[in-house]
Amino acid sequence: MTGFGSENFAPLIQGAGLTLFLCAVSGFVASVIGLMLAIARTSRVRIARGISAVYINFIRGQPVLIILYFMYFVIPLAFPQATFSRGITAIVGLSTYGAAYIAEIFRGSIEAIPKGQGEASDALGMQYFVKFRYVILPQAMKISVPPWIGFLISLVKASSLVSVIGYVELTRAGRIVSTINQEPLTTFLIVATFYFLISYPISLVGQWYERRLA
C-alpha cells in the first residue's frame, strides 16, 4: 500500500494493450460474420434468412455477461474438448455478440439502397454476388459507416466485461492496481483516460472515412 507510483503504469499499459488487441480482433471477426449474416438475411434463400434471423434475434436478446459465462463455464462442462483459454473465450464471446448487432447495421444499410439499383443490375444480367460486390455494397457502406463505428466504440466499452472470466484487460488491471496501491480514484481516472485514447481514434477514422466517401 504505497500509493500510486510510476511502477503502477506498467500493468495498466499492458492491460490497455490487451484491450486494444481484444477489440481489434473481435471487431474484425464480428464485422466479417455480421456482413455474411446480413447477406443471408437479405438473400432470396428462405433457409438462409431463417437461420440468420434466429441467430441475430437470439444473440441480441442476451447480455454480454451471459454469453461470456456460457462460453467459459457451460460449454466446457458439456464438451470438455471445447475448453479454451480466457483470451480465446473473450474473443469468441465478443465476436458472437458483436456479429448480431453489426449484421443488423449492414442489413439496414443494404435495404436502404433503392430497389431500382438491384433491378437495373438484374436487367444488365449481373449475377447476385457480382451485383452485391459492385453495386449494392459500395452504396451500403456509405450508410453503414457511422452506426458501425459507433458500435465498435461500444464494443471497446463492452470489453471491460471479460474481466469476469479472469482475462486481465484494462479494467481488471485497474482493479488489481487499485487493490495494491489503495488509490482507486487516481487509478481509474487513468483507466478512463486509456479507454478514451482507444475509443477516440476510432471515431476519427470513421469521420475520415465518411469524408473520403463523400
C-alpha atoms as a PDB file:
ATOM      1  CA  MET A   1       0.000   0.000   0.000  1.00  0.00           C
ATOM      2  CA  THR A   2       2.446   2.625  -1.249  1.00  0.00           C
ATOM      3  CA  GLY A   3       0.126   4.964  -3.163  1.00  0.00           C
ATOM      4  CA  PHE A   4       0.086   5.436  -6.912  1.00  0.00           C
ATOM      5  CA  GLY A   5       3.561   5.442  -8.395  1.00  0.00           C
ATOM      6  CA  SER A   6       5.282   5.097 -11.752  1.00  0.00           C
ATOM      7  CA  GLU A   7       5.523   1.333 -11.250  1.00  0.00           C
ATOM      8  CA  ASN A   8       1.729   1.131 -11.450  1.00  0.00           C
ATOM      9  CA  PHE A   9       1.691   2.312 -15.073  1.00  0.00           C
ATOM     10  CA  ALA A  10       3.215  -0.896 -16.453  1.00  0.00           C
ATOM     11  CA  PRO A  11       0.244  -3.205 -15.682  1.00  0.00           C
ATOM     12  CA  LEU A  12      -2.202  -0.522 -16.868  1.00  0.00           C
ATOM     13  CA  ILE A  13      -0.350  -0.086 -20.149  1.00  0.00           C
ATOM     14  CA  GLN A  14      -0.248  -3.850 -20.578  1.00  0.00           C
ATOM     15  CA  GLY A  15      -3.974  -4.042 -19.845  1.00  0.00           C
ATOM     16  CA  ALA A  16      -4.651  -1.273 -22.373  1.00  0.00           C
ATOM     17  CA  GLY A  17      -2.647  -3.193 -24.974  1.00  0.00           C
ATOM     18  CA  LEU A  18      -4.627  -6.364 -24.317  1.00  0.00           C
ATOM     19  CA  THR A  19      -7.886  -4.404 -24.546  1.00  0.00           C
ATOM     20  CA  LEU A  20      -6.799  -2.893 -27.863  1.00  0.00           C
ATOM     21  CA  PHE A  21      -5.817  -6.316 -29.226  1.00  0.00           C
ATOM     22  CA  LEU A  22      -9.047  -7.892 -27.986  1.00  0.00           C
ATOM     23  CA  CYS A  23     -11.225  -5.186 -29.547  1.00  0.00           C
ATOM     24  CA  ALA A  24      -9.318  -5.161 -32.849  1.00  0.00           C
ATOM     25  CA  VAL A  25      -9.606  -8.916 -33.343  1.00  0.00           C
ATOM     26  CA  SER A  26     -13.193  -9.133 -32.073  1.00  0.00           C
ATOM     27  CA  GLY A  27     -14.281  -6.138 -34.139  1.00  0.00           C
ATOM     28  CA  PHE A  28     -12.768  -7.593 -37.307  1.00  0.00           C
ATOM     29  CA  VAL A  29     -14.245 -11.079 -36.780  1.00  0.00           C
ATOM     30  CA  ALA A  30     -17.632  -9.660 -35.790  1.00  0.00           C
ATOM     31  CA  SER A  31     -17.681  -7.427 -38.886  1.00  0.00           C
ATOM     32  CA  VAL A  32     -16.906 -10.321 -41.236  1.00  0.00           C
ATOM     33  CA  ILE A  33     -19.515 -12.596 -39.646  1.00  0.00           C
ATOM     34  CA  GLY A  34     -22.003  -9.725 -39.451  1.00  0.00           C
ATOM     35  CA  LEU A  35     -21.612  -8.999 -43.163  1.00  0.00           C
ATOM     36  CA  MET A  36     -22.226 -12.656 -44.012  1.00  0.00           C
ATOM     37  CA  LEU A  37     -25.289 -12.707 -41.760  1.00  0.00           C
ATOM     38  CA  ALA A  38     -26.584  -9.531 -43.408  1.00  0.00           C
ATOM     39  CA  ILE A  39     -26.145 -11.049 -46.869  1.00  0.00           C
ATOM     40  CA  ALA A  40     -28.015 -14.155 -45.721  1.00  0.00           C
ATOM     41  CA  ARG A  41     -30.698 -12.025 -44.067  1.00  0.00           C
ATOM     42  CA  THR A  42     -31.382 -10.155 -47.308  1.00  0.00           C
ATOM     43  CA  SER A  43     -30.987 -13.096 -49.689  1.00  0.00           C
ATOM     44  CA  ARG A  44     -33.753 -14.870 -51.580  1.00  0.00           C
ATOM     45  CA  VAL A  45     -32.997 -18.197 -49.885  1.00  0.00           C
ATOM     46  CA  ARG A  46     -35.570 -18.769 -47.165  1.00  0.00           C
ATOM     47  CA  ILE A  47     -33.385 -21.129 -45.099  1.00  0.00           C
ATOM     48  CA  ALA A  48     -30.526 -18.611 -45.047  1.00  0.00           C
ATOM     49  CA  ARG A  49     -32.888 -15.840 -43.996  1.00  0.00           C
ATOM     50  CA  GLY A  50     -34.371 -18.013 -41.250  1.00  0.00           C
ATOM     51  CA  ILE A  51     -31.033 -19.138 -39.788  1.00  0.00           C
ATOM     52  CA  SER A  52     -29.598 -15.621 -39.758  1.00  0.00           C
ATOM     53  CA  ALA A  53     -32.798 -14.202 -38.231  1.00  0.00           C
ATOM     54  CA  VAL A  54     -32.754 -16.776 -35.411  1.00  0.00           C
ATOM     55  CA  TYR A  55     -29.093 -16.069 -34.641  1.00  0.00           C
ATOM     56  CA  ILE A  56     -29.479 -12.290 -34.717  1.00  0.00           C
ATOM     57  CA  ASN A  57     -32.630 -12.169 -32.616  1.00  0.00           C
ATOM     58  CA  PHE A  58     -31.375 -14.688 -30.060  1.00  0.00           C
ATOM     59  CA  ILE A  59     -27.947 -13.114 -29.531  1.00  0.00           C
ATOM     60  CA  ARG A  60     -29.343  -9.596 -29.374  1.00  0.00           C
ATOM     61  CA  GLY A  61     -31.642 -10.782 -26.609  1.00  0.00           C
ATOM     62  CA  GLN A  62     -28.732 -11.909 -24.416  1.00  0.00           C
ATOM     63  CA  PRO A  63     -26.478  -9.794 -22.185  1.00  0.00           C
ATOM     64  CA  VAL A  64     -22.767  -9.944 -22.927  1.00  0.00           C
ATOM     65  CA  LEU A  65     -22.155 -11.426 -19.471  1.00  0.00           C
ATOM     66  CA  ILE A  66     -24.447 -14.379 -20.168  1.00  0.00           C
ATOM     67  CA  ILE A  67     -22.647 -15.084 -23.458  1.00  0.00           C
ATOM     68  CA  LEU A  68     -19.255 -14.977 -21.736  1.00  0.00           C
ATOM     69  CA  TYR A  69     -20.413 -17.140 -18.819  1.00  0.00           C
ATOM     70  CA  PHE A  70     -21.944 -19.656 -21.203  1.00  0.00           C
ATOM     71  CA  MET A  71     -18.793 -19.953 -23.310  1.00  0.00           C
ATOM     72  CA  TYR A  72     -16.362 -20.076 -20.408  1.00  0.00           C
ATOM     73  CA  PHE A  73     -18.275 -22.205 -17.869  1.00  0.00           C
ATOM     74  CA  VAL A  74     -21.168 -24.039 -19.543  1.00  0.00           C
ATOM     75  CA  ILE A  75     -19.691 -25.215 -22.853  1.00  0.00           C
ATOM     76  CA  PRO A  76     -16.533 -26.729 -21.249  1.00  0.00           C
ATOM     77  CA  LEU A  77     -18.761 -28.672 -18.829  1.00  0.00           C
ATOM     78  CA  ALA A  78     -20.854 -30.089 -21.665  1.00  0.00           C
ATOM     79  CA  PHE A  79     -17.934 -30.510 -24.090  1.00  0.00           C
ATOM     80  CA  PRO A  80     -14.581 -30.804 -22.242  1.00  0.00           C
ATOM     81  CA  GLN A  81     -12.682 -30.810 -25.529  1.00  0.00           C
ATOM     82  CA  ALA A  82     -14.048 -27.295 -26.221  1.00  0.00           C
ATOM     83  CA  THR A  83     -12.118 -25.753 -23.321  1.00  0.00           C
ATOM     84  CA  PHE A  84     -10.153 -22.701 -24.439  1.00  0.00           C
ATOM     85  CA  SER A  85      -8.030 -20.027 -22.820  1.00  0.00           C
ATOM     86  CA  ARG A  86      -9.533 -16.866 -21.356  1.00  0.00           C
ATOM     87  CA  GLY A  87      -8.244 -14.825 -24.274  1.00  0.00           C
ATOM     88  CA  ILE A  88      -9.798 -17.075 -26.936  1.00  0.00           C
ATOM     89  CA  THR A  89     -13.055 -17.219 -24.982  1.00  0.00           C
ATOM     90  CA  ALA A  90     -13.131 -13.424 -24.705  1.00  0.00           C
ATOM     91  CA  ILE A  91     -12.584 -13.001 -28.456  1.00  0.00           C
ATOM     92  CA  VAL A  92     -15.206 -15.599 -29.363  1.00  0.00           C
ATOM     93  CA  GLY A  93     -17.713 -14.160 -26.893  1.00  0.00           C
ATOM     94  CA  LEU A  94     -17.347 -10.553 -28.047  1.00  0.00           C
ATOM     95  CA  SER A  95     -17.328 -11.620 -31.704  1.00  0.00           C
ATOM     96  CA  THR A  96     -20.507 -13.641 -31.213  1.00  0.00           C
ATOM     97  CA  TYR A  97     -22.165 -10.700 -29.505  1.00  0.00           C
ATOM     98  CA  GLY A  98     -20.942  -8.089 -31.962  1.00  0.00           C
ATOM     99  CA  ALA A  99     -21.795 -10.035 -35.112  1.00  0.00           C
ATOM    100  CA  ALA A 100     -25.519  -9.906 -34.365  1.00  0.00           C
ATOM    101  CA  TYR A 101     -25.560  -6.122 -33.986  1.00  0.00           C
ATOM    102  CA  ILE A 102     -23.267  -5.442 -36.933  1.00  0.00           C
ATOM    103  CA  ALA A 103     -25.433  -7.737 -39.064  1.00  0.00           C
ATOM    104  CA  GLU A 104     -28.438  -5.553 -38.352  1.00  0.00           C
ATOM    105  CA  ILE A 105     -26.443  -2.427 -39.200  1.00  0.00           C
ATOM    106  CA  PHE A 106     -25.404  -3.897 -42.558  1.00  0.00           C
ATOM    107  CA  ARG A 107     -28.881  -5.286 -43.219  1.00  0.00           C
ATOM    108  CA  GLY A 108     -30.489  -1.910 -42.691  1.00  0.00           C
ATOM    109  CA  SER A 109     -27.910  -0.296 -44.966  1.00  0.00           C
ATOM    110  CA  ILE A 110     -28.469  -2.866 -47.711  1.00  0.00           C
ATOM    111  CA  GLU A 111     -32.224  -2.498 -47.551  1.00  0.00           C
ATOM    112  CA  ALA A 112     -31.884   1.299 -47.653  1.00  0.00           C
ATOM    113  CA  ILE A 113     -30.481   1.084 -51.205  1.00  0.00           C
ATOM    114  CA  PRO A 114     -33.224   1.952 -53.743  1.00  0.00           C
ATOM    115  CA  LYS A 115     -34.684  -1.186 -55.314  1.00  0.00           C
ATOM    116  CA  GLY A 116     -34.114   0.310 -58.740  1.00  0.00           C
ATOM    117  CA  GLN A 117     -30.375  -0.258 -58.296  1.00  0.00           C
ATOM    118  CA  GLY A 118     -30.868  -4.001 -57.954  1.00  0.00           C
ATOM    119  CA  GLU A 119     -33.415  -4.127 -60.764  1.00  0.00           C
ATOM    120  CA  ALA A 120     -31.059  -2.286 -63.109  1.00  0.00           C
ATOM    121  CA  SER A 121     -28.268  -4.725 -62.214  1.00  0.00           C
ATOM    122  CA  ASP A 122     -30.572  -7.681 -62.911  1.00  0.00           C
ATOM    123  CA  ALA A 123     -31.513  -6.134 -66.241  1.00  0.00           C
ATOM    124  CA  LEU A 124     -27.820  -5.995 -67.142  1.00  0.00           C
ATOM    125  CA  GLY A 125     -27.527  -9.709 -66.388  1.00  0.00           C
ATOM    126  CA  MET A 126     -25.337  -9.389 -63.301  1.00  0.00           C
ATOM    127  CA  GLN A 127     -25.118 -12.400 -61.007  1.00  0.00           C
ATOM    128  CA  TYR A 128     -26.174 -11.901 -57.386  1.00  0.00           C
ATOM    129  CA  PHE A 129     -22.683 -11.698 -55.880  1.00  0.00           C
ATOM    130  CA  VAL A 130     -21.377  -9.504 -58.711  1.00  0.00           C
ATOM    131  CA  LYS A 131     -24.316  -7.152 -58.196  1.00  0.00           C
ATOM    132  CA  PHE A 132     -23.737  -7.136 -54.458  1.00  0.00           C
ATOM    133  CA  ARG A 133     -19.983  -6.522 -54.789  1.00  0.00           C
ATOM    134  CA  TYR A 134     -20.041  -3.700 -57.325  1.00  0.00           C
ATOM    135  CA  VAL A 135     -23.468  -2.084 -56.908  1.00  0.00           C
ATOM    136  CA  ILE A 136     -25.049  -2.724 -53.504  1.00  0.00           C
ATOM    137  CA  LEU A 137     -22.077  -2.958 -51.118  1.00  0.00           C
ATOM    138  CA  PRO A 138     -20.305   0.309 -52.075  1.00  0.00           C
ATOM    139  CA  GLN A 139     -23.528   2.261 -51.539  1.00  0.00           C
ATOM    140  CA  ALA A 140     -24.428   0.377 -48.365  1.00  0.00           C
ATOM    141  CA  MET A 141     -21.016   1.128 -46.831  1.00  0.00           C
ATOM    142  CA  LYS A 142     -21.673   4.869 -47.035  1.00  0.00           C
ATOM    143  CA  ILE A 143     -24.808   4.363 -44.946  1.00  0.00           C
ATOM    144  CA  SER A 144     -23.403   1.803 -42.510  1.00  0.00           C
ATOM    145  CA  VAL A 145     -20.124   3.505 -41.527  1.00  0.00           C
ATOM    146  CA  PRO A 146     -21.495   5.913 -38.844  1.00  0.00           C
ATOM    147  CA  PRO A 147     -23.509   3.294 -36.872  1.00  0.00           C
ATOM    148  CA  TRP A 148     -20.797   0.682 -37.433  1.00  0.00           C
ATOM    149  CA  ILE A 149     -18.125   2.961 -35.960  1.00  0.00           C
ATOM    150  CA  GLY A 150     -20.467   3.782 -33.092  1.00  0.00           C
ATOM    151  CA  PHE A 151     -20.904   0.100 -32.309  1.00  0.00           C
ATOM    152  CA  LEU A 152     -17.150  -0.555 -32.439  1.00  0.00           C
ATOM    153  CA  ILE A 153     -16.714   2.138 -29.780  1.00  0.00           C
ATOM    154  CA  SER A 154     -19.429   0.412 -27.735  1.00  0.00           C
ATOM    155  CA  LEU A 155     -17.544  -2.851 -28.183  1.00  0.00           C
ATOM    156  CA  VAL A 156     -14.471  -1.259 -26.595  1.00  0.00           C
ATOM    157  CA  LYS A 157     -16.538  -0.444 -23.516  1.00  0.00           C
ATOM    158  CA  ALA A 158     -18.203  -3.881 -23.524  1.00  0.00           C
ATOM    159  CA  SER A 159     -14.753  -5.478 -23.500  1.00  0.00           C
ATOM    160  CA  SER A 160     -14.433  -4.477 -19.843  1.00  0.00           C
ATOM    161  CA  LEU A 161     -16.900  -7.270 -19.032  1.00  0.00           C
ATOM    162  CA  VAL A 162     -14.444 -10.012 -19.999  1.00  0.00           C
ATOM    163  CA  SER A 163     -12.781  -9.405 -16.636  1.00  0.00           C
ATOM    164  CA  VAL A 164     -15.491 -11.644 -15.126  1.00  0.00           C
ATOM    165  CA  ILE A 165     -13.799 -14.689 -16.684  1.00  0.00           C
ATOM    166  CA  GLY A 166     -10.389 -13.641 -15.385  1.00  0.00           C
ATOM    167  CA  TYR A 167      -8.982 -12.026 -18.527  1.00  0.00           C
ATOM    168  CA  VAL A 168      -6.653  -9.258 -17.372  1.00  0.00           C
ATOM    169  CA  GLU A 169      -7.643  -6.427 -19.712  1.00  0.00           C
ATOM    170  CA  LEU A 170      -7.638  -2.733 -18.801  1.00  0.00           C
ATOM    171  CA  THR A 171     -10.484  -2.759 -16.264  1.00  0.00           C
ATOM    172  CA  ARG A 172      -9.217  -5.812 -14.398  1.00  0.00           C
ATOM    173  CA  ALA A 173      -5.701  -4.401 -14.412  1.00  0.00           C
ATOM    174  CA  GLY A 174      -7.132  -1.246 -12.850  1.00  0.00           C
ATOM    175  CA  ARG A 175      -8.833  -3.284 -10.136  1.00  0.00           C
ATOM    176  CA  ILE A 176      -5.613  -5.138  -9.343  1.00  0.00           C
ATOM    177  CA  VAL A 177      -3.542  -1.944  -9.223  1.00  0.00           C
ATOM    178  CA  SER A 178      -6.107  -0.094  -7.078  1.00  0.00           C
ATOM    179  CA  THR A 179      -6.167  -3.015  -4.642  1.00  0.00           C
ATOM    180  CA  ILE A 180      -2.399  -2.820  -4.251  1.00  0.00           C
ATOM    181  CA  ASN A 181      -1.912   0.942  -4.036  1.00  0.00           C
ATOM    182  CA  GLN A 182      -5.227   1.854  -2.359  1.00  0.00           C
ATOM    183  CA  GLU A 183      -5.668   4.738  -4.813  1.00  0.00           C
ATOM    184  CA  PRO A 184      -8.849   3.844  -6.734  1.00  0.00           C
ATOM    185  CA  LEU A 185      -9.628   7.428  -7.786  1.00  0.00           C
ATOM    186  CA  THR A 186      -6.265   8.042  -9.423  1.00  0.00           C
ATOM    187  CA  THR A 187      -6.088   4.550 -10.871  1.00  0.00           C
ATOM    188  CA  PHE A 188      -9.493   4.589 -12.529  1.00  0.00           C
ATOM    189  CA  LEU A 189      -9.044   8.133 -13.816  1.00  0.00           C
ATOM    190  CA  ILE A 190      -6.025   6.780 -15.671  1.00  0.00           C
ATOM    191  CA  VAL A 191      -8.036   3.731 -16.790  1.00  0.00           C
ATOM    192  CA  ALA A 192     -10.751   6.064 -18.129  1.00  0.00           C
ATOM    193  CA  THR A 193      -8.082   8.058 -19.977  1.00  0.00           C
ATOM    194  CA  PHE A 194      -6.781   4.895 -21.618  1.00  0.00           C
ATOM    195  CA  TYR A 195     -10.315   3.974 -22.756  1.00  0.00           C
ATOM    196  CA  PHE A 196     -10.653   7.444 -24.270  1.00  0.00           C
ATOM    197  CA  LEU A 197      -7.317   7.073 -26.056  1.00  0.00           C
ATOM    198  CA  ILE A 198      -8.542   3.800 -27.553  1.00  0.00           C
ATOM    199  CA  SER A 199     -12.042   4.966 -28.490  1.00  0.00           C
ATOM    200  CA  TYR A 200     -11.398   8.471 -29.823  1.00  0.00           C
ATOM    201  CA  PRO A 201      -9.107   7.440 -32.711  1.00  0.00           C
ATOM    202  CA  ILE A 202     -11.826   5.029 -33.867  1.00  0.00           C
ATOM    203  CA  SER A 203     -14.270   7.920 -34.167  1.00  0.00           C
ATOM    204  CA  LEU A 204     -11.628   9.937 -36.046  1.00  0.00           C
ATOM    205  CA  VAL A 205     -11.142   7.083 -38.511  1.00  0.00           C
ATOM    206  CA  GLY A 206     -14.915   6.973 -39.024  1.00  0.00           C
ATOM    207  CA  GLN A 207     -15.046  10.708 -39.721  1.00  0.00           C
ATOM    208  CA  TRP A 208     -12.134  10.453 -42.145  1.00  0.00           C
ATOM    209  CA  TYR A 209     -13.770   7.553 -43.979  1.00  0.00           C
ATOM    210  CA  GLU A 210     -17.073   9.431 -44.251  1.00  0.00           C
ATOM    211  CA  ARG A 211     -15.299  12.427 -45.764  1.00  0.00           C
ATOM    212  CA  ARG A 212     -13.482  10.175 -48.205  1.00  0.00           C
ATOM    213  CA  LEU A 213     -16.701   8.527 -49.318  1.00  0.00           C
ATOM    214  CA  ALA A 214     -18.378  11.903 -49.702  1.00  0.00           C
END
